[in-house]
PDB file of N, CA and C in Angstrom:
ATOM      1  N   ARG A   1       0.818  -1.188   0.000  1.00  0.00           N
ATOM      2  CA  ARG A   1       0.000   0.000   0.000  1.00  0.00           C
ATOM      3  C   ARG A   1       0.861   1.250   0.000  1.00  0.00           C
ATOM      4  N   GLU A   2       0.388   2.195  -0.732  1.00  0.00           N
ATOM      5  CA  GLU A   2       1.064   3.483  -0.707  1.00  0.00           C
ATOM      6  C   GLU A   2       0.567   4.289   0.482  1.00  0.00           C
ATOM      7  N   ARG A   3       1.434   5.098   1.003  1.00  0.00           N
ATOM      8  CA  ARG A   3       1.055   5.970   2.117  1.00  0.00           C
ATOM      9  C   ARG A   3       1.074   7.413   1.628  1.00  0.00           C
ATOM     10  N   PHE A   4       0.063   8.121   2.032  1.00  0.00           N
ATOM     11  CA  PHE A   4      -0.041   9.520   1.656  1.00  0.00           C
ATOM     12  C   PHE A   4       0.046  10.371   2.912  1.00  0.00           C
ATOM     13  N   SER A   5       0.786  11.443   2.795  1.00  0.00           N
ATOM     14  CA  SER A   5       0.836  12.353   3.943  1.00  0.00           C
ATOM     15  C   SER A   5      -0.368  13.289   3.864  1.00  0.00           C
ATOM     16  N   LEU A   6      -0.989  13.475   4.996  1.00  0.00           N
ATOM     17  CA  LEU A   6      -2.155  14.347   5.053  1.00  0.00           C
ATOM     18  C   LEU A   6      -1.711  15.771   5.366  1.00  0.00           C
ATOM     19  N   PRO A   7      -2.324  16.740   4.715  1.00  0.00           N
ATOM     20  CA  PRO A   7      -1.973  18.129   5.038  1.00  0.00           C
ATOM     21  C   PRO A   7      -2.480  18.491   6.430  1.00  0.00           C
ATOM     22  N   GLN A   8      -1.840  19.470   7.028  1.00  0.00           N
ATOM     23  CA  GLN A   8      -2.295  19.931   8.339  1.00  0.00           C
ATOM     24  C   GLN A   8      -3.646  20.621   8.174  1.00  0.00           C
ATOM     25  N   PRO A   9      -4.535  20.448   9.142  1.00  0.00           N
ATOM     26  CA  PRO A   9      -5.846  21.107   9.042  1.00  0.00           C
ATOM     27  C   PRO A   9      -5.677  22.627   9.128  1.00  0.00           C
ATOM     28  N   PRO A  10      -6.591  23.368   8.520  1.00  0.00           N
ATOM     29  CA  PRO A  10      -6.493  24.827   8.588  1.00  0.00           C
ATOM     30  C   PRO A  10      -6.733  25.336  10.008  1.00  0.00           C
ATOM     31  N   VAL A  11      -6.246  26.524  10.264  1.00  0.00           N
ATOM     32  CA  VAL A  11      -6.430  27.190  11.552  1.00  0.00           C
ATOM     33  C   VAL A  11      -7.635  28.121  11.423  1.00  0.00           C
ATOM     34  N   CYS A  12      -8.497  28.127  12.429  1.00  0.00           N
ATOM     35  CA  CYS A  12      -9.662  29.010  12.428  1.00  0.00           C
ATOM     36  C   CYS A  12      -9.758  29.691  13.794  1.00  0.00           C
ATOM     37  N   LEU A  13      -9.615  31.010  13.794  1.00  0.00           N
ATOM     38  CA  LEU A  13      -9.737  31.798  15.016  1.00  0.00           C
ATOM     39  C   LEU A  13     -11.084  32.508  14.977  1.00  0.00           C
ATOM     40  N   ARG A  14     -11.823  32.490  16.081  1.00  0.00           N
ATOM     41  CA  ARG A  14     -13.171  33.072  16.118  1.00  0.00           C
ATOM     42  C   ARG A  14     -13.297  34.071  17.250  1.00  0.00           C
ATOM     43  N   LEU A  15     -14.086  35.110  16.967  1.00  0.00           N
ATOM     44  CA  LEU A  15     -14.367  36.141  17.959  1.00  0.00           C
ATOM     45  C   LEU A  15     -15.822  36.554  17.805  1.00  0.00           C
ATOM     46  N   THR A  16     -16.548  36.585  18.897  1.00  0.00           N
ATOM     47  CA  THR A  16     -17.943  37.020  18.876  1.00  0.00           C
ATOM     48  C   THR A  16     -18.016  38.446  19.401  1.00  0.00           C
ATOM     49  N   THR A  17     -18.664  39.317  18.626  1.00  0.00           N
ATOM     50  CA  THR A  17     -18.833  40.708  19.037  1.00  0.00           C
ATOM     51  C   THR A  17     -20.311  40.980  19.263  1.00  0.00           C
ATOM     52  N   PHE A  18     -20.582  42.033  19.992  1.00  0.00           N
ATOM     53  CA  PHE A  18     -21.966  42.370  20.315  1.00  0.00           C
ATOM     54  C   PHE A  18     -22.167  43.873  20.175  1.00  0.00           C
ATOM     55  N   GLY A  19     -23.218  44.264  19.455  1.00  0.00           N
ATOM     56  CA  GLY A  19     -23.611  45.665  19.420  1.00  0.00           C
ATOM     57  C   GLY A  19     -23.015  46.512  18.318  1.00  0.00           C
ATOM     58  N   ARG A  20     -22.148  45.964  17.479  1.00  0.00           N
ATOM     59  CA  ARG A  20     -21.599  46.722  16.351  1.00  0.00           C
ATOM     60  C   ARG A  20     -22.099  46.104  15.059  1.00  0.00           C
ATOM     61  N   SER A  21     -22.286  46.934  14.057  1.00  0.00           N
ATOM     62  CA  SER A  21     -22.777  46.419  12.778  1.00  0.00           C
ATOM     63  C   SER A  21     -21.642  45.768  11.993  1.00  0.00           C
ATOM     64  N   GLU A  22     -22.023  44.896  11.075  1.00  0.00           N
ATOM     65  CA  GLU A  22     -21.040  44.207  10.238  1.00  0.00           C
ATOM     66  C   GLU A  22     -20.247  45.211   9.403  1.00  0.00           C
ATOM     67  N   SER A  23     -20.925  46.209   8.851  1.00  0.00           N
ATOM     68  CA  SER A  23     -20.233  47.200   8.015  1.00  0.00           C
ATOM     69  C   SER A  23     -19.271  48.050   8.845  1.00  0.00           C
ATOM     70  N   ASP A  24     -19.624  48.356  10.078  1.00  0.00           N
ATOM     71  CA  ASP A  24     -18.740  49.110  10.967  1.00  0.00           C
ATOM     72  C   ASP A  24     -17.477  48.307  11.266  1.00  0.00           C
ATOM     73  N   LEU A  25     -17.648  47.031  11.569  1.00  0.00           N
ATOM     74  CA  LEU A  25     -16.490  46.168  11.830  1.00  0.00           C
ATOM     75  C   LEU A  25     -15.627  46.020  10.579  1.00  0.00           C
ATOM     76  N   ALA A  26     -16.272  45.800   9.434  1.00  0.00           N
ATOM     77  CA  ALA A  26     -15.535  45.624   8.180  1.00  0.00           C
ATOM     78  C   ALA A  26     -14.710  46.866   7.864  1.00  0.00           C
ATOM     79  N   GLN A  27     -15.285  48.031   8.077  1.00  0.00           N
ATOM     80  CA  GLN A  27     -14.576  49.278   7.810  1.00  0.00           C
ATOM     81  C   GLN A  27     -13.350  49.401   8.724  1.00  0.00           C
ATOM     82  N   SER A  28     -13.486  49.011   9.966  1.00  0.00           N
ATOM     83  CA  SER A  28     -12.371  49.077  10.913  1.00  0.00           C
ATOM     84  C   SER A  28     -11.284  48.058  10.594  1.00  0.00           C
ATOM     85  N   LEU A  29     -11.674  46.910  10.050  1.00  0.00           N
ATOM     86  CA  LEU A  29     -10.720  45.825   9.805  1.00  0.00           C
ATOM     87  C   LEU A  29     -10.129  45.837   8.401  1.00  0.00           C
ATOM     88  N   ASP A  30     -10.671  46.648   7.494  1.00  0.00           N
ATOM     89  CA  ASP A  30     -10.194  46.674   6.107  1.00  0.00           C
ATOM     90  C   ASP A  30      -8.737  47.089   5.971  1.00  0.00           C
ATOM     91  N   THR A  31      -8.213  47.816   6.931  1.00  0.00           N
ATOM     92  CA  THR A  31      -6.833  48.299   6.836  1.00  0.00           C
ATOM     93  C   THR A  31      -5.812  47.222   7.202  1.00  0.00           C
ATOM     94  N   LEU A  32      -6.253  46.130   7.800  1.00  0.00           N
ATOM     95  CA  LEU A  32      -5.329  45.066   8.211  1.00  0.00           C
ATOM     96  C   LEU A  32      -4.840  44.279   6.997  1.00  0.00           C
ATOM     97  N   GLN A  33      -3.547  43.976   6.985  1.00  0.00           N
ATOM     98  CA  GLN A  33      -2.960  43.170   5.917  1.00  0.00           C
ATOM     99  C   GLN A  33      -3.017  41.701   6.323  1.00  0.00           C
ATOM    100  N   LEU A  34      -3.731  40.897   5.537  1.00  0.00           N
ATOM    101  CA  LEU A  34      -3.850  39.470   5.840  1.00  0.00           C
ATOM    102  C   LEU A  34      -2.667  38.709   5.259  1.00  0.00           C
ATOM    103  N   PRO A  35      -2.155  37.713   5.979  1.00  0.00           N
ATOM    104  CA  PRO A  35      -1.088  36.867   5.442  1.00  0.00           C
ATOM    105  C   PRO A  35      -1.579  36.103   4.206  1.00  0.00           C
ATOM    106  N   PRO A  36      -0.667  35.594   3.386  1.00  0.00           N
ATOM    107  CA  PRO A  36      -1.062  34.849   2.180  1.00  0.00           C
ATOM    108  C   PRO A  36      -1.943  33.643   2.523  1.00  0.00           C
ATOM    109  N   GLY A  37      -3.045  33.495   1.800  1.00  0.00           N
ATOM    110  CA  GLY A  37      -3.936  32.355   1.990  1.00  0.00           C
ATOM    111  C   GLY A  37      -4.897  32.485   3.155  1.00  0.00           C
ATOM    112  N   VAL A  38      -4.883  33.616   3.850  1.00  0.00           N
ATOM    113  CA  VAL A  38      -5.731  33.827   5.026  1.00  0.00           C
ATOM    114  C   VAL A  38      -6.935  34.681   4.636  1.00  0.00           C
ATOM    115  N   THR A  39      -8.111  34.308   5.137  1.00  0.00           N
ATOM    116  CA  THR A  39      -9.327  35.068   4.847  1.00  0.00           C
ATOM    117  C   THR A  39     -10.012  35.478   6.148  1.00  0.00           C
ATOM    118  N   MET A  40     -10.677  36.629   6.082  1.00  0.00           N
ATOM    119  CA  MET A  40     -11.462  37.130   7.206  1.00  0.00           C
ATOM    120  C   MET A  40     -12.923  36.994   6.814  1.00  0.00           C
ATOM    121  N   GLY A  41     -13.714  36.392   7.698  1.00  0.00           N
ATOM    122  CA  GLY A  41     -15.130  36.214   7.411  1.00  0.00           C
ATOM    123  C   GLY A  41     -15.990  36.779   8.522  1.00  0.00           C
ATOM    124  N   TYR A  42     -17.216  37.122   8.152  1.00  0.00           N
ATOM    125  CA  TYR A  42     -18.183  37.679   9.095  1.00  0.00           C
ATOM    126  C   TYR A  42     -19.453  36.853   9.021  1.00  0.00           C
ATOM    127  N   ARG A  43     -20.054  36.607  10.167  1.00  0.00           N
ATOM    128  CA  ARG A  43     -21.367  35.945  10.203  1.00  0.00           C
ATOM    129  C   ARG A  43     -22.251  36.771  11.119  1.00  0.00           C
ATOM    130  N   SER A  44     -23.315  37.281  10.536  1.00  0.00           N
ATOM    131  CA  SER A  44     -24.172  38.208  11.259  1.00  0.00           C
ATOM    132  C   SER A  44     -25.459  37.547  11.723  1.00  0.00           C
ATOM    133  N   SER A  45     -25.769  37.748  12.977  1.00  0.00           N
ATOM    134  CA  SER A  45     -27.051  37.375  13.560  1.00  0.00           C
ATOM    135  C   SER A  45     -27.325  38.454  14.598  1.00  0.00           C
ATOM    136  N   MET A  46     -27.745  39.617  14.088  1.00  0.00           N
ATOM    137  CA  MET A  46     -27.865  40.820  14.921  1.00  0.00           C
ATOM    138  C   MET A  46     -28.540  40.520  16.251  1.00  0.00           C
ATOM    139  N   PRO A  47     -27.982  41.031  17.319  1.00  0.00           N
ATOM    140  CA  PRO A  47     -26.912  42.014  17.440  1.00  0.00           C
ATOM    141  C   PRO A  47     -25.520  41.396  17.560  1.00  0.00           C
ATOM    142  N   ILE A  48     -25.378  40.118  17.231  1.00  0.00           N
ATOM    143  CA  ILE A  48     -24.092  39.428  17.363  1.00  0.00           C
ATOM    144  C   ILE A  48     -23.451  39.264  15.988  1.00  0.00           C
ATOM    145  N   ILE A  49     -22.161  39.569  15.908  1.00  0.00           N
ATOM    146  CA  ILE A  49     -21.381  39.346  14.696  1.00  0.00           C
ATOM    147  C   ILE A  49     -20.217  38.436  15.084  1.00  0.00           C
ATOM    148  N   GLU A  50     -20.054  37.342  14.347  1.00  0.00           N
ATOM    149  CA  GLU A  50     -18.920  36.451  14.584  1.00  0.00           C
ATOM    150  C   GLU A  50     -17.866  36.729  13.524  1.00  0.00           C
ATOM    151  N   LEU A  51     -16.636  36.967  13.973  1.00  0.00           N
ATOM    152  CA  LEU A  51     -15.503  37.157  13.074  1.00  0.00           C
ATOM    153  C   LEU A  51     -14.702  35.870  13.044  1.00  0.00           C
ATOM    154  N   LYS A  52     -14.290  35.469  11.833  1.00  0.00           N
ATOM    155  CA  LYS A  52     -13.475  34.264  11.694  1.00  0.00           C
ATOM    156  C   LYS A  52     -12.269  34.576  10.827  1.00  0.00           C
ATOM    157  N   LEU A  53     -11.115  34.200  11.312  1.00  0.00           N
ATOM    158  CA  LEU A  53      -9.879  34.310  10.556  1.00  0.00           C
ATOM    159  C   LEU A  53      -9.444  32.884  10.259  1.00  0.00           C
ATOM    160  N   THR A  54      -9.418  32.531   8.981  1.00  0.00           N
ATOM    161  CA  THR A  54      -9.134  31.155   8.579  1.00  0.00           C
ATOM    162  C   THR A  54      -7.953  31.136   7.621  1.00  0.00           C
ATOM    163  N   GLY A  55      -7.051  30.175   7.832  1.00  0.00           N
ATOM    164  CA  GLY A  55      -5.898  30.074   6.946  1.00  0.00           C
ATOM    165  C   GLY A  55      -5.118  28.800   7.188  1.00  0.00           C
ATOM    166  N   PRO A  56      -4.074  28.598   6.391  1.00  0.00           N
ATOM    167  CA  PRO A  56      -3.265  27.380   6.519  1.00  0.00           C
ATOM    168  C   PRO A  56      -2.468  27.364   7.825  1.00  0.00           C
ATOM    169  N   ALA A  57      -2.193  26.171   8.309  1.00  0.00           N
ATOM    170  CA  ALA A  57      -1.442  26.013   9.559  1.00  0.00           C
ATOM    171  C   ALA A  57      -0.059  26.653   9.465  1.00  0.00           C
ATOM    172  N   SER A  58       0.495  26.723   8.271  1.00  0.00           N
ATOM    173  CA  SER A  58       1.820  27.328   8.097  1.00  0.00           C
ATOM    174  C   SER A  58       1.822  28.824   8.419  1.00  0.00           C
ATOM    175  N   GLU A  59       0.656  29.447   8.430  1.00  0.00           N
ATOM    176  CA  GLU A  59       0.539  30.879   8.728  1.00  0.00           C
ATOM    177  C   GLU A  59       0.022  31.142  10.145  1.00  0.00           C
ATOM    178  N   GLN A  60       0.019  30.123  11.000  1.00  0.00           N
ATOM    179  CA  GLN A  60      -0.578  30.260  12.328  1.00  0.00           C
ATOM    180  C   GLN A  60       0.052  31.379  13.154  1.00  0.00           C
ATOM    181  N   GLN A  61       1.365  31.478  13.153  1.00  0.00           N
ATOM    182  CA  GLN A  61       2.017  32.530  13.955  1.00  0.00           C
ATOM    183  C   GLN A  61       1.606  33.914  13.481  1.00  0.00           C
ATOM    184  N   ALA A  62       1.596  34.125  12.177  1.00  0.00           N
ATOM    185  CA  ALA A  62       1.201  35.425  11.626  1.00  0.00           C
ATOM    186  C   ALA A  62      -0.263  35.710  11.930  1.00  0.00           C
ATOM    187  N   MET A  63      -1.094  34.674  11.878  1.00  0.00           N
ATOM    188  CA  MET A  63      -2.517  34.841  12.167  1.00  0.00           C
ATOM    189  C   MET A  63      -2.739  35.227  13.626  1.00  0.00           C
ATOM    190  N   GLU A  64      -2.021  34.593  14.532  1.00  0.00           N
ATOM    191  CA  GLU A  64      -2.175  34.908  15.955  1.00  0.00           C
ATOM    192  C   GLU A  64      -1.712  36.332  16.265  1.00  0.00           C
ATOM    193  N   LYS A  65      -0.668  36.784  15.589  1.00  0.00           N
ATOM    194  CA  LYS A  65      -0.208  38.160  15.760  1.00  0.00           C
ATOM    195  C   LYS A  65      -1.267  39.131  15.240  1.00  0.00           C
ATOM    196  N   LEU A  66      -1.822  38.845  14.070  1.00  0.00           N
ATOM    197  CA  LEU A  66      -2.878  39.676  13.491  1.00  0.00           C
ATOM    198  C   LEU A  66      -4.126  39.659  14.366  1.00  0.00           C
ATOM    199  N   TRP A  67      -4.404  38.519  14.975  1.00  0.00           N
ATOM    200  CA  TRP A  67      -5.604  38.361  15.803  1.00  0.00           C
ATOM    201  C   TRP A  67      -5.601  39.329  16.988  1.00  0.00           C
ATOM    202  N   LEU A  68      -4.417  39.650  17.502  1.00  0.00           N
ATOM    203  CA  LEU A  68      -4.318  40.638  18.583  1.00  0.00           C
ATOM    204  C   LEU A  68      -4.854  41.994  18.118  1.00  0.00           C
ATOM    205  N   ASP A  69      -4.550  42.365  16.866  1.00  0.00           N
ATOM    206  CA  ASP A  69      -5.067  43.624  16.309  1.00  0.00           C
ATOM    207  C   ASP A  69      -6.570  43.551  16.089  1.00  0.00           C
ATOM    208  N   VAL A  70      -7.059  42.400  15.655  1.00  0.00           N
ATOM    209  CA  VAL A  70      -8.497  42.229  15.434  1.00  0.00           C
ATOM    210  C   VAL A  70      -9.246  42.417  16.752  1.00  0.00           C
ATOM    211  N   LYS A  71      -8.725  41.866  17.820  1.00  0.00           N
ATOM    212  CA  LYS A  71      -9.385  41.970  19.126  1.00  0.00           C
ATOM    213  C   LYS A  71      -9.441  43.410  19.635  1.00  0.00           C
ATOM    214  N   ARG A  72      -8.489  44.240  19.219  1.00  0.00           N
ATOM    215  CA  ARG A  72      -8.473  45.645  19.659  1.00  0.00           C
ATOM    216  C   ARG A  72      -9.554  46.469  18.976  1.00  0.00           C
ATOM    217  N   VAL A  73     -10.004  46.036  17.810  1.00  0.00           N
ATOM    218  CA  VAL A  73     -11.038  46.776  17.074  1.00  0.00           C
ATOM    219  C   VAL A  73     -12.334  46.579  17.793  1.00  0.00           C
TER     220      VAL A  73
END
């Protein structure tokens, strides 16, 4: 049998916010530079907005550093 190496699962960081609109958050976060292959997502269920930063495991350190800035917004 051949053996295949499995890729590392992606990293997903989540933050739940309360009381701010999705467009307000997006405007505040648009200035952040995302690492290669990393995406920022929003899920709205007013008045709660969930922010998700998803990317490859190889970018985990950069994502965690960026996540500190996301939490300040």
